[in-house]
PDB file of N, CA and C in Angstrom:
ATOM      1  N   MET A   1       0.890  -1.140  -0.029  1.00  0.00           N
ATOM      2  CA  MET A   1       0.088   0.016   0.013  1.00  0.00           C
ATOM      3  C   MET A   1       0.901   1.212  -0.156  1.00  0.00           C
ATOM      4  N   PHE A   2       2.012   1.224   0.732  1.00  0.00           N
ATOM      5  CA  PHE A   2       2.819   2.218   0.764  1.00  0.00           C
ATOM      6  C   PHE A   2       3.470   2.689  -0.640  1.00  0.00           C
ATOM      7  N   ILE A   3       3.713   1.581  -1.398  1.00  0.00           N
ATOM      8  CA  ILE A   3       4.339   1.790  -2.751  1.00  0.00           C
ATOM      9  C   ILE A   3       3.213   2.331  -3.642  1.00  0.00           C
ATOM     10  N   SER A   4       1.970   2.008  -3.524  1.00  0.00           N
ATOM     11  CA  SER A   4       0.957   2.700  -4.344  1.00  0.00           C
ATOM     12  C   SER A   4       0.743   4.072  -4.046  1.00  0.00           C
ATOM     13  N   ILE A   5       0.853   4.429  -2.719  1.00  0.00           N
ATOM     14  CA  ILE A   5       0.772   5.917  -2.356  1.00  0.00           C
ATOM     15  C   ILE A   5       1.893   6.659  -2.967  1.00  0.00           C
ATOM     16  N   ILE A   6       3.167   6.071  -2.922  1.00  0.00           N
ATOM     17  CA  ILE A   6       4.227   6.946  -3.513  1.00  0.00           C
ATOM     18  C   ILE A   6       4.081   7.023  -5.051  1.00  0.00           C
ATOM     19  N   ILE A   7       3.618   6.015  -5.618  1.00  0.00           N
ATOM     20  CA  ILE A   7       3.384   6.161  -7.105  1.00  0.00           C
ATOM     21  C   ILE A   7       2.301   7.032  -7.409  1.00  0.00           C
ATOM     22  N   PHE A   8       1.257   7.093  -6.594  1.00  0.00           N
ATOM     23  CA  PHE A   8       0.176   7.979  -6.831  1.00  0.00           C
ATOM     24  C   PHE A   8       0.565   9.551  -6.808  1.00  0.00           C
ATOM     25  N   ASN A   9       1.448   9.725  -5.697  1.00  0.00           N
ATOM     26  CA  ASN A   9       1.971  11.026  -5.500  1.00  0.00           C
ATOM     27  C   ASN A   9       3.039  11.372  -6.462  1.00  0.00           C
ATOM     28  N   LEU A  10       3.803  10.456  -7.011  1.00  0.00           N
ATOM     29  CA  LEU A  10       4.777  10.835  -8.103  1.00  0.00           C
ATOM     30  C   LEU A  10       4.012  11.330  -9.288  1.00  0.00           C
ATOM     31  N   ASN A  11       2.853  10.730  -9.519  1.00  0.00           N
ATOM     32  CA  ASN A  11       2.137  11.015 -10.797  1.00  0.00           C
ATOM     33  C   ASN A  11       1.627  12.575 -10.616  1.00  0.00           C
ATOM     34  N   LYS A  12       1.468  13.114  -9.406  1.00  0.00           N
ATOM     35  CA  LYS A  12       0.946  14.492  -9.381  1.00  0.00           C
ATOM     36  C   LYS A  12       2.195  15.444  -9.647  1.00  0.00           C
ATOM     37  N   PHE A  13       3.567  14.900  -9.271  1.00  0.00           N
ATOM     38  CA  PHE A  13       4.631  15.810  -9.455  1.00  0.00           C
ATOM     39  C   PHE A  13       5.231  15.810 -11.040  1.00  0.00           C
ATOM     40  N   PHE A  14       4.980  14.651 -11.585  1.00  0.00           N
ATOM     41  CA  PHE A  14       5.524  14.316 -12.985  1.00  0.00           C
ATOM     42  C   PHE A  14       4.099  14.104 -13.828  1.00  0.00           C
ATOM     43  N   PRO A  15       3.429  14.851 -14.125  1.00  0.00           N
ATOM     44  CA  PRO A  15       2.245  14.727 -14.970  1.00  0.00           C
ATOM     45  C   PRO A  15       2.678  14.543 -16.383  1.00  0.00           C
ATOM     46  N   ILE A  16       1.929  13.651 -16.962  1.00  0.00           N
ATOM     47  CA  ILE A  16       2.138  13.577 -18.643  1.00  0.00           C
ATOM     48  C   ILE A  16       1.195  14.460 -19.274  1.00  0.00           C
ATOM     49  N   ASN A  17       1.767  15.340 -20.044  1.00  0.00           N
ATOM     50  CA  ASN A  17       0.887  16.359 -20.698  1.00  0.00           C
ATOM     51  C   ASN A  17       0.458  15.792 -22.028  1.00  0.00           C
ATOM     52  N   LYS A  18      -0.777  15.511 -22.136  1.00  0.00           N
ATOM     53  CA  LYS A  18      -1.241  14.994 -23.380  1.00  0.00           C
ATOM     54  C   LYS A  18      -2.412  15.906 -23.848  1.00  0.00           C
ATOM     55  N   LYS A  19      -2.509  15.856 -25.137  1.00  0.00           N
ATOM     56  CA  LYS A  19      -3.632  16.609 -25.739  1.00  0.00           C
ATOM     57  C   LYS A  19      -5.011  16.097 -25.376  1.00  0.00           C
ATOM     58  N   ILE A  20      -5.898  16.981 -24.806  1.00  0.00           N
ATOM     59  CA  ILE A  20      -7.131  16.361 -24.275  1.00  0.00           C
ATOM     60  C   ILE A  20      -8.100  16.171 -25.399  1.00  0.00           C
ATOM     61  N   ASN A  21      -8.501  15.056 -25.585  1.00  0.00           N
ATOM     62  CA  ASN A  21      -9.541  14.709 -26.628  1.00  0.00           C
ATOM     63  C   ASN A  21     -10.868  14.968 -25.953  1.00  0.00           C
ATOM     64  N   LEU A  22     -11.656  15.891 -26.636  1.00  0.00           N
ATOM     65  CA  LEU A  22     -13.032  16.108 -26.280  1.00  0.00           C
ATOM     66  C   LEU A  22     -13.971  15.084 -26.533  1.00  0.00           C
ATOM     67  N   GLU A  23     -13.637  14.243 -27.480  1.00  0.00           N
ATOM     68  CA  GLU A  23     -14.543  13.088 -27.941  1.00  0.00           C
ATOM     69  C   GLU A  23     -14.392  12.083 -26.929  1.00  0.00           C
ATOM     70  N   LYS A  24     -13.451  11.905 -26.117  1.00  0.00           N
ATOM     71  CA  LYS A  24     -13.306  10.841 -25.180  1.00  0.00           C
ATOM     72  C   LYS A  24     -14.091  11.180 -23.968  1.00  0.00           C
ATOM     73  N   ARG A  25     -14.320  12.428 -23.703  1.00  0.00           N
ATOM     74  CA  ARG A  25     -15.095  12.814 -22.597  1.00  0.00           C
ATOM     75  C   ARG A  25     -16.657  12.652 -22.638  1.00  0.00           C
ATOM     76  N   ILE A  26     -17.006  12.667 -23.884  1.00  0.00           N
ATOM     77  CA  ILE A  26     -18.431  12.299 -24.151  1.00  0.00           C
ATOM     78  C   ILE A  26     -18.800  10.777 -23.852  1.00  0.00           C
ATOM     79  N   PRO A  27     -19.891  10.455 -23.238  1.00  0.00           N
ATOM     80  CA  PRO A  27     -20.133   9.112 -23.015  1.00  0.00           C
ATOM     81  C   PRO A  27     -20.804   8.368 -24.253  1.00  0.00           C
ATOM     82  N   PHE A  28     -20.097   7.297 -24.654  1.00  0.00           N
ATOM     83  CA  PHE A  28     -20.606   6.510 -25.701  1.00  0.00           C
ATOM     84  C   PHE A  28     -21.596   5.416 -25.286  1.00  0.00           C
ATOM     85  N   GLU A  29     -22.840   5.613 -25.690  1.00  0.00           N
ATOM     86  CA  GLU A  29     -24.041   4.839 -25.189  1.00  0.00           C
ATOM     87  C   GLU A  29     -24.594   4.076 -26.329  1.00  0.00           C
ATOM     88  N   CYS A  30     -24.291   2.881 -26.550  1.00  0.00           N
ATOM     89  CA  CYS A  30     -24.855   1.923 -27.553  1.00  0.00           C
ATOM     90  C   CYS A  30     -24.836   2.499 -28.820  1.00  0.00           C
ATOM     91  N   GLY A  31     -23.883   3.382 -29.303  1.00  0.00           N
ATOM     92  CA  GLY A  31     -23.681   3.727 -30.583  1.00  0.00           C
ATOM     93  C   GLY A  31     -24.479   5.066 -30.855  1.00  0.00           C
ATOM     94  N   PHE A  32     -25.118   5.513 -29.892  1.00  0.00           N
ATOM     95  CA  PHE A  32     -26.087   6.754 -30.149  1.00  0.00           C
ATOM     96  C   PHE A  32     -25.193   7.971 -29.814  1.00  0.00           C
ATOM     97  N   ASN A  33     -25.216   8.978 -30.763  1.00  0.00           N
ATOM     98  CA  ASN A  33     -24.479  10.124 -30.509  1.00  0.00           C
ATOM     99  C   ASN A  33     -25.376  11.112 -29.669  1.00  0.00           C
ATOM    100  N   PRO A  34     -24.815  11.819 -28.750  1.00  0.00           N
ATOM    101  CA  PRO A  34     -25.718  12.600 -28.006  1.00  0.00           C
ATOM    102  C   PRO A  34     -26.266  13.930 -28.885  1.00  0.00           C
ATOM    103  N   LYS A  35     -27.311  14.381 -28.666  1.00  0.00           N
ATOM    104  CA  LYS A  35     -27.799  15.487 -29.363  1.00  0.00           C
ATOM    105  C   LYS A  35     -27.242  16.799 -29.255  1.00  0.00           C
ATOM    106  N   PHE A  36     -26.674  16.988 -28.008  1.00  0.00           N
ATOM    107  CA  PHE A  36     -25.945  18.233 -27.564  1.00  0.00           C
ATOM    108  C   PHE A  36     -24.816  17.914 -26.736  1.00  0.00           C
ATOM    109  N   ILE A  37     -23.855  18.782 -26.737  1.00  0.00           N
ATOM    110  CA  ILE A  37     -22.584  18.508 -25.897  1.00  0.00           C
ATOM    111  C   ILE A  37     -22.712  19.653 -24.915  1.00  0.00           C
ATOM    112  N   LEU A  38     -22.581  19.190 -23.617  1.00  0.00           N
ATOM    113  CA  LEU A  38     -22.513  20.198 -22.484  1.00  0.00           C
ATOM    114  C   LEU A  38     -21.079  20.493 -22.254  1.00  0.00           C
ATOM    115  N   PRO A  39     -20.863  21.627 -21.400  1.00  0.00           N
ATOM    116  CA  PRO A  39     -19.408  21.943 -21.083  1.00  0.00           C
ATOM    117  C   PRO A  39     -18.740  20.868 -20.163  1.00  0.00           C
ATOM    118  N   PHE A  40     -19.671  20.235 -19.385  1.00  0.00           N
ATOM    119  CA  PHE A  40     -19.137  19.177 -18.444  1.00  0.00           C
ATOM    120  C   PHE A  40     -19.529  17.897 -18.992  1.00  0.00           C
ATOM    121  N   PRO A  41     -18.840  16.809 -18.763  1.00  0.00           N
ATOM    122  CA  PRO A  41     -19.021  15.494 -19.492  1.00  0.00           C
ATOM    123  C   PRO A  41     -20.157  14.672 -18.710  1.00  0.00           C
ATOM    124  N   ILE A  42     -21.047  15.207 -18.051  1.00  0.00           N
ATOM    125  CA  ILE A  42     -22.023  14.373 -17.336  1.00  0.00           C
ATOM    126  C   ILE A  42     -23.430  14.370 -18.120  1.00  0.00           C
ATOM    127  N   LEU A  43     -23.775  13.398 -18.776  1.00  0.00           N
ATOM    128  CA  LEU A  43     -25.004  13.306 -19.412  1.00  0.00           C
ATOM    129  C   LEU A  43     -25.812  12.185 -18.799  1.00  0.00           C
ATOM    130  N   PHE A  44     -27.037  12.296 -18.658  1.00  0.00           N
ATOM    131  CA  PHE A  44     -28.039  11.432 -18.070  1.00  0.00           C
ATOM    132  C   PHE A  44     -29.033  10.982 -19.012  1.00  0.00           C
ATOM    133  N   PHE A  45     -29.182   9.570 -19.349  1.00  0.00           N
ATOM    134  CA  PHE A  45     -30.388   9.274 -20.179  1.00  0.00           C
ATOM    135  C   PHE A  45     -31.087   8.175 -19.526  1.00  0.00           C
ATOM    136  N   PHE A  46     -32.493   8.474 -19.593  1.00  0.00           N
ATOM    137  CA  PHE A  46     -33.404   7.759 -18.650  1.00  0.00           C
ATOM    138  C   PHE A  46     -33.408   6.322 -19.156  1.00  0.00           C
ATOM    139  N   SER A  47     -33.210   6.046 -20.294  1.00  0.00           N
ATOM    140  CA  SER A  47     -33.208   4.430 -20.676  1.00  0.00           C
ATOM    141  C   SER A  47     -32.153   3.768 -20.117  1.00  0.00           C
ATOM    142  N   PHE A  48     -31.065   4.342 -19.864  1.00  0.00           N
ATOM    143  CA  PHE A  48     -30.000   3.442 -19.198  1.00  0.00           C
ATOM    144  C   PHE A  48     -30.297   3.271 -17.706  1.00  0.00           C
ATOM    145  N   PHE A  49     -30.814   4.408 -16.972  1.00  0.00           N
ATOM    146  CA  PHE A  49     -31.352   4.172 -15.740  1.00  0.00           C
ATOM    147  C   PHE A  49     -32.472   3.078 -15.491  1.00  0.00           C
ATOM    148  N   GLN A  50     -33.403   2.965 -16.607  1.00  0.00           N
ATOM    149  CA  GLN A  50     -34.285   1.875 -16.580  1.00  0.00           C
ATOM    150  C   GLN A  50     -33.700   0.490 -16.598  1.00  0.00           C
ATOM    151  N   ILE A  51     -32.695   0.367 -17.425  1.00  0.00           N
ATOM    152  CA  ILE A  51     -31.988  -0.927 -17.534  1.00  0.00           C
ATOM    153  C   ILE A  51     -31.337  -1.252 -16.238  1.00  0.00           C
ATOM    154  N   ARG A  52     -30.586  -0.193 -15.708  1.00  0.00           N
ATOM    155  CA  ARG A  52     -30.074  -0.466 -14.390  1.00  0.00           C
ATOM    156  C   ARG A  52     -30.976  -0.958 -13.339  1.00  0.00           C
ATOM    157  N   LEU A  53     -32.160  -0.320 -13.287  1.00  0.00           N
ATOM    158  CA  LEU A  53     -33.171  -0.467 -12.382  1.00  0.00           C
ATOM    159  C   LEU A  53     -33.762  -1.959 -12.738  1.00  0.00           C
ATOM    160  N   LEU A  54     -33.864  -2.431 -13.768  1.00  0.00           N
ATOM    161  CA  LEU A  54     -34.298  -3.806 -14.141  1.00  0.00           C
ATOM    162  C   LEU A  54     -33.409  -4.717 -13.673  1.00  0.00           C
ATOM    163  N   PHE A  55     -32.060  -4.596 -13.781  1.00  0.00           N
ATOM    164  CA  PHE A  55     -30.900  -5.462 -13.347  1.00  0.00           C
ATOM    165  C   PHE A  55     -30.996  -5.566 -11.840  1.00  0.00           C
ATOM    166  N   SER A  56     -31.223  -4.464 -11.226  1.00  0.00           N
ATOM    167  CA  SER A  56     -31.250  -4.389  -9.646  1.00  0.00           C
ATOM    168  C   SER A  56     -32.525  -5.209  -9.185  1.00  0.00           C
ATOM    169  N   ILE A  57     -33.681  -5.220  -9.855  1.00  0.00           N
ATOM    170  CA  ILE A  57     -34.687  -5.949  -9.458  1.00  0.00           C
ATOM    171  C   ILE A  57     -34.381  -7.397  -9.580  1.00  0.00           C
ATOM    172  N   PHE A  58     -33.878  -7.823 -10.780  1.00  0.00           N
ATOM    173  CA  PHE A  58     -33.462  -9.162 -10.877  1.00  0.00           C
ATOM    174  C   PHE A  58     -32.470  -9.639  -9.863  1.00  0.00           C
ATOM    175  N   ASP A  59     -31.485  -8.864  -9.632  1.00  0.00           N
ATOM    176  CA  ASP A  59     -30.385  -9.261  -8.636  1.00  0.00           C
ATOM    177  C   ASP A  59     -31.082  -9.317  -7.251  1.00  0.00           C
ATOM    178  N   ILE A  60     -31.960  -8.514  -6.962  1.00  0.00           N
ATOM    179  CA  ILE A  60     -32.493  -8.662  -5.570  1.00  0.00           C
ATOM    180  C   ILE A  60     -33.476  -9.945  -5.336  1.00  0.00           C
ATOM    181  N   GLU A  61     -34.085 -10.303  -6.639  1.00  0.00           N
ATOM    182  CA  GLU A  61     -34.820 -11.476  -6.522  1.00  0.00           C
ATOM    183  C   GLU A  61     -34.058 -12.839  -6.526  1.00  0.00           C
ATOM    184  N   ILE A  62     -32.950 -12.704  -7.085  1.00  0.00           N
ATOM    185  CA  ILE A  62     -31.925 -13.876  -7.065  1.00  0.00           C
ATOM    186  C   ILE A  62     -31.255 -13.968  -5.577  1.00  0.00           C
ATOM    187  N   THR A  63     -31.014 -12.758  -5.094  1.00  0.00           N
ATOM    188  CA  THR A  63     -30.641 -12.712  -3.609  1.00  0.00           C
ATOM    189  C   THR A  63     -31.544 -13.419  -2.676  1.00  0.00           C
ATOM    190  N   LEU A  64     -32.804 -12.993  -2.870  1.00  0.00           N
ATOM    191  CA  LEU A  64     -33.835 -13.485  -1.939  1.00  0.00           C
ATOM    192  C   LEU A  64     -34.203 -14.824  -1.996  1.00  0.00           C
ATOM    193  N   SER A  65     -34.027 -15.458  -3.331  1.00  0.00           N
ATOM    194  CA  SER A  65     -34.419 -16.743  -3.613  1.00  0.00           C
ATOM    195  C   SER A  65     -33.267 -17.777  -3.171  1.00  0.00           C
ATOM    196  N   ILE A  66     -32.055 -17.385  -3.055  1.00  0.00           N
ATOM    197  CA  ILE A  66     -31.131 -18.412  -2.796  1.00  0.00           C
ATOM    198  C   ILE A  66     -31.309 -19.083  -1.342  1.00  0.00           C
ATOM    199  N   PRO A  67     -31.573 -18.436  -0.420  1.00  0.00           N
ATOM    200  CA  PRO A  67     -31.785 -18.958   0.881  1.00  0.00           C
ATOM    201  C   PRO A  67     -32.971 -20.076   0.899  1.00  0.00           C
ATOM    202  N   ILE A  68     -33.960 -19.814  -0.005  1.00  0.00           N
ATOM    203  CA  ILE A  68     -35.007 -20.839  -0.047  1.00  0.00           C
ATOM    204  C   ILE A  68     -34.487 -22.125  -0.509  1.00  0.00           C
ATOM    205  N   ILE A  69     -33.355 -22.266  -1.258  1.00  0.00           N
ATOM    206  CA  ILE A  69     -32.988 -23.584  -1.711  1.00  0.00           C
ATOM    207  C   ILE A  69     -32.451 -24.435  -0.629  1.00  0.00           C
ATOM    208  N   PHE A  70     -31.826 -23.714   0.602  1.00  0.00           N
ATOM    209  CA  PHE A  70     -31.216 -24.383   1.571  1.00  0.00           C
ATOM    210  C   PHE A  70     -32.286 -24.731   2.738  1.00  0.00           C
ATOM    211  N   TYR A  71     -33.372 -24.267   2.603  1.00  0.00           N
ATOM    212  CA  TYR A  71     -34.406 -24.591   3.610  1.00  0.00           C
ATOM    213  C   TYR A  71     -35.606 -25.336   2.997  1.00  0.00           C
ATOM    214  N   LEU A  72     -35.458 -25.869   1.938  1.00  0.00           N
ATOM    215  CA  LEU A  72     -36.511 -26.592   1.315  1.00  0.00           C
ATOM    216  C   LEU A  72     -37.046 -27.771   1.972  1.00  0.00           C
ATOM    217  N   LYS A  73     -36.254 -28.453   2.673  1.00  0.00           N
ATOM    218  CA  LYS A  73     -36.730 -29.592   3.456  1.00  0.00           C
ATOM    219  C   LYS A  73     -37.445 -29.163   4.903  1.00  0.00           C
ATOM    220  N   TYR A  74     -37.260 -28.041   5.180  1.00  0.00           N
ATOM    221  CA  TYR A  74     -37.850 -27.450   6.462  1.00  0.00           C
ATOM    222  C   TYR A  74     -39.193 -26.618   6.151  1.00  0.00           C
ATOM    223  N   ILE A  75     -39.341 -26.140   5.023  1.00  0.00           N
ATOM    224  CA  ILE A  75     -40.430 -25.252   4.755  1.00  0.00           C
ATOM    225  C   ILE A  75     -41.696 -26.076   4.305  1.00  0.00           C
ATOM    226  N   ASN A  76     -42.807 -25.613   4.728  1.00  0.00           N
ATOM    227  CA  ASN A  76     -44.027 -26.290   4.270  1.00  0.00           C
ATOM    228  C   ASN A  76     -44.189 -26.025   2.776  1.00  0.00           C
ATOM    229  N   PHE A  77     -44.934 -27.030   2.156  1.00  0.00           N
ATOM    230  CA  PHE A  77     -44.945 -27.216   0.673  1.00  0.00           C
ATOM    231  C   PHE A  77     -45.730 -25.814   0.089  1.00  0.00           C
ATOM    232  N   TYR A  78     -46.817 -25.531   0.819  1.00  0.00           N
ATOM    233  CA  TYR A  78     -47.681 -24.362   0.240  1.00  0.00           C
ATOM    234  C   TYR A  78     -47.043 -23.118   0.562  1.00  0.00           C
ATOM    235  N   TYR A  79     -46.348 -22.975   1.592  1.00  0.00           N
ATOM    236  CA  TYR A  79     -45.528 -21.643   1.915  1.00  0.00           C
ATOM    237  C   TYR A  79     -44.433 -21.579   0.733  1.00  0.00           C
ATOM    238  N   MET A  80     -43.764 -22.656   0.457  1.00  0.00           N
ATOM    239  CA  MET A  80     -42.671 -22.630  -0.627  1.00  0.00           C
ATOM    240  C   MET A  80     -43.305 -22.337  -1.988  1.00  0.00           C
ATOM    241  N   LEU A  81     -44.499 -22.983  -2.257  1.00  0.00           N
ATOM    242  CA  LEU A  81     -45.141 -22.760  -3.542  1.00  0.00           C
ATOM    243  C   LEU A  81     -45.532 -21.299  -3.697  1.00  0.00           C
ATOM    244  N   ASN A  82     -46.099 -20.682  -2.663  1.00  0.00           N
ATOM    245  CA  ASN A  82     -46.491 -19.286  -2.584  1.00  0.00           C
ATOM    246  C   ASN A  82     -45.364 -18.401  -2.851  1.00  0.00           C
ATOM    247  N   THR A  83     -44.130 -18.711  -2.143  1.00  0.00           N
ATOM    248  CA  THR A  83     -43.063 -17.921  -2.224  1.00  0.00           C
ATOM    249  C   THR A  83     -42.497 -17.936  -3.814  1.00  0.00           C
ATOM    250  N   ILE A  84     -42.245 -19.108  -4.279  1.00  0.00           N
ATOM    251  CA  ILE A  84     -41.851 -19.313  -5.646  1.00  0.00           C
ATOM    252  C   ILE A  84     -42.828 -18.607  -6.635  1.00  0.00           C
ATOM    253  N   LEU A  85     -44.165 -18.792  -6.538  1.00  0.00           N
ATOM    254  CA  LEU A  85     -45.057 -17.967  -7.334  1.00  0.00           C
ATOM    255  C   LEU A  85     -44.770 -16.482  -7.147  1.00  0.00           C
ATOM    256  N   LEU A  86     -44.621 -15.976  -6.042  1.00  0.00           N
ATOM    257  CA  LEU A  86     -44.380 -14.586  -5.829  1.00  0.00           C
ATOM    258  C   LEU A  86     -43.229 -14.048  -6.655  1.00  0.00           C
ATOM    259  N   PHE A  87     -42.161 -14.859  -6.464  1.00  0.00           N
ATOM    260  CA  PHE A  87     -40.900 -14.445  -7.275  1.00  0.00           C
ATOM    261  C   PHE A  87     -41.150 -14.676  -8.828  1.00  0.00           C
ATOM    262  N   ILE A  88     -41.802 -15.453  -9.151  1.00  0.00           N
ATOM    263  CA  ILE A  88     -42.184 -15.640 -10.767  1.00  0.00           C
ATOM    264  C   ILE A  88     -43.044 -14.479 -11.257  1.00  0.00           C
ATOM    265  N   PHE A  89     -43.991 -14.116 -10.301  1.00  0.00           N
ATOM    266  CA  PHE A  89     -44.740 -13.067 -10.703  1.00  0.00           C
ATOM    267  C   PHE A  89     -44.066 -11.758 -10.613  1.00  0.00           C
ATOM    268  N   ILE A  90     -43.152 -11.550  -9.804  1.00  0.00           N
ATOM    269  CA  ILE A  90     -42.291 -10.337  -9.943  1.00  0.00           C
ATOM    270  C   ILE A  90     -41.406 -10.213 -11.106  1.00  0.00           C
ATOM    271  N   ILE A  91     -40.840 -11.391 -11.400  1.00  0.00           N
ATOM    272  CA  ILE A  91     -39.913 -11.565 -12.513  1.00  0.00           C
ATOM    273  C   ILE A  91     -40.842 -11.118 -13.827  1.00  0.00           C
ATOM    274  N   LEU A  92     -42.042 -11.798 -13.932  1.00  0.00           N
ATOM    275  CA  LEU A  92     -42.770 -11.585 -15.110  1.00  0.00           C
ATOM    276  C   LEU A  92     -43.268 -10.086 -15.180  1.00  0.00           C
ATOM    277  N   PHE A  93     -43.552  -9.418 -14.019  1.00  0.00           N
ATOM    278  CA  PHE A  93     -44.021  -8.215 -14.016  1.00  0.00           C
ATOM    279  C   PHE A  93     -42.894  -7.067 -14.365  1.00  0.00           C
ATOM    280  N   THR A  94     -41.742  -7.375 -14.082  1.00  0.00           N
ATOM    281  CA  THR A  94     -40.465  -6.715 -14.474  1.00  0.00           C
ATOM    282  C   THR A  94     -40.221  -6.827 -15.882  1.00  0.00           C
ATOM    283  N   LEU A  95     -40.345  -8.022 -16.502  1.00  0.00           N
ATOM    284  CA  LEU A  95     -40.324  -8.286 -17.904  1.00  0.00           C
ATOM    285  C   LEU A  95     -41.227  -7.393 -18.693  1.00  0.00           C
ATOM    286  N   ILE A  96     -42.568  -7.470 -18.144  1.00  0.00           N
ATOM    287  CA  ILE A  96     -43.638  -6.763 -18.919  1.00  0.00           C
ATOM    288  C   ILE A  96     -43.246  -5.232 -18.854  1.00  0.00           C
ATOM    289  N   ILE A  97     -42.668  -4.627 -17.831  1.00  0.00           N
ATOM    290  CA  ILE A  97     -42.342  -3.157 -17.669  1.00  0.00           C
ATOM    291  C   ILE A  97     -41.260  -2.822 -18.634  1.00  0.00           C
ATOM    292  N   GLU A  98     -40.225  -3.857 -18.873  1.00  0.00           N
ATOM    293  CA  GLU A  98     -39.308  -3.706 -19.832  1.00  0.00           C
ATOM    294  C   GLU A  98     -39.760  -3.434 -21.133  1.00  0.00           C
TER     295      GLU A  98
END
């Protein structure tokens, strides 16, 4: 860790002066060119937020369903069936939203 701190600080004292390419500061999103260029490189598109939200929902469903596998022999059949159907319903609902 000490070596990485030294290298990080050396980089501040001996910077490499390169020509700044403004095209690299613009986000490249699935091949679509942005309609406008702002002075700062932060652009927010709602479609990418929706995709991130969709993946988060699927990730939470998987995280919640893994412990059920370990407790299958201890859980009542109807409780397990209701839980699995609930997860399937949530997955289908998020698929419809997409």
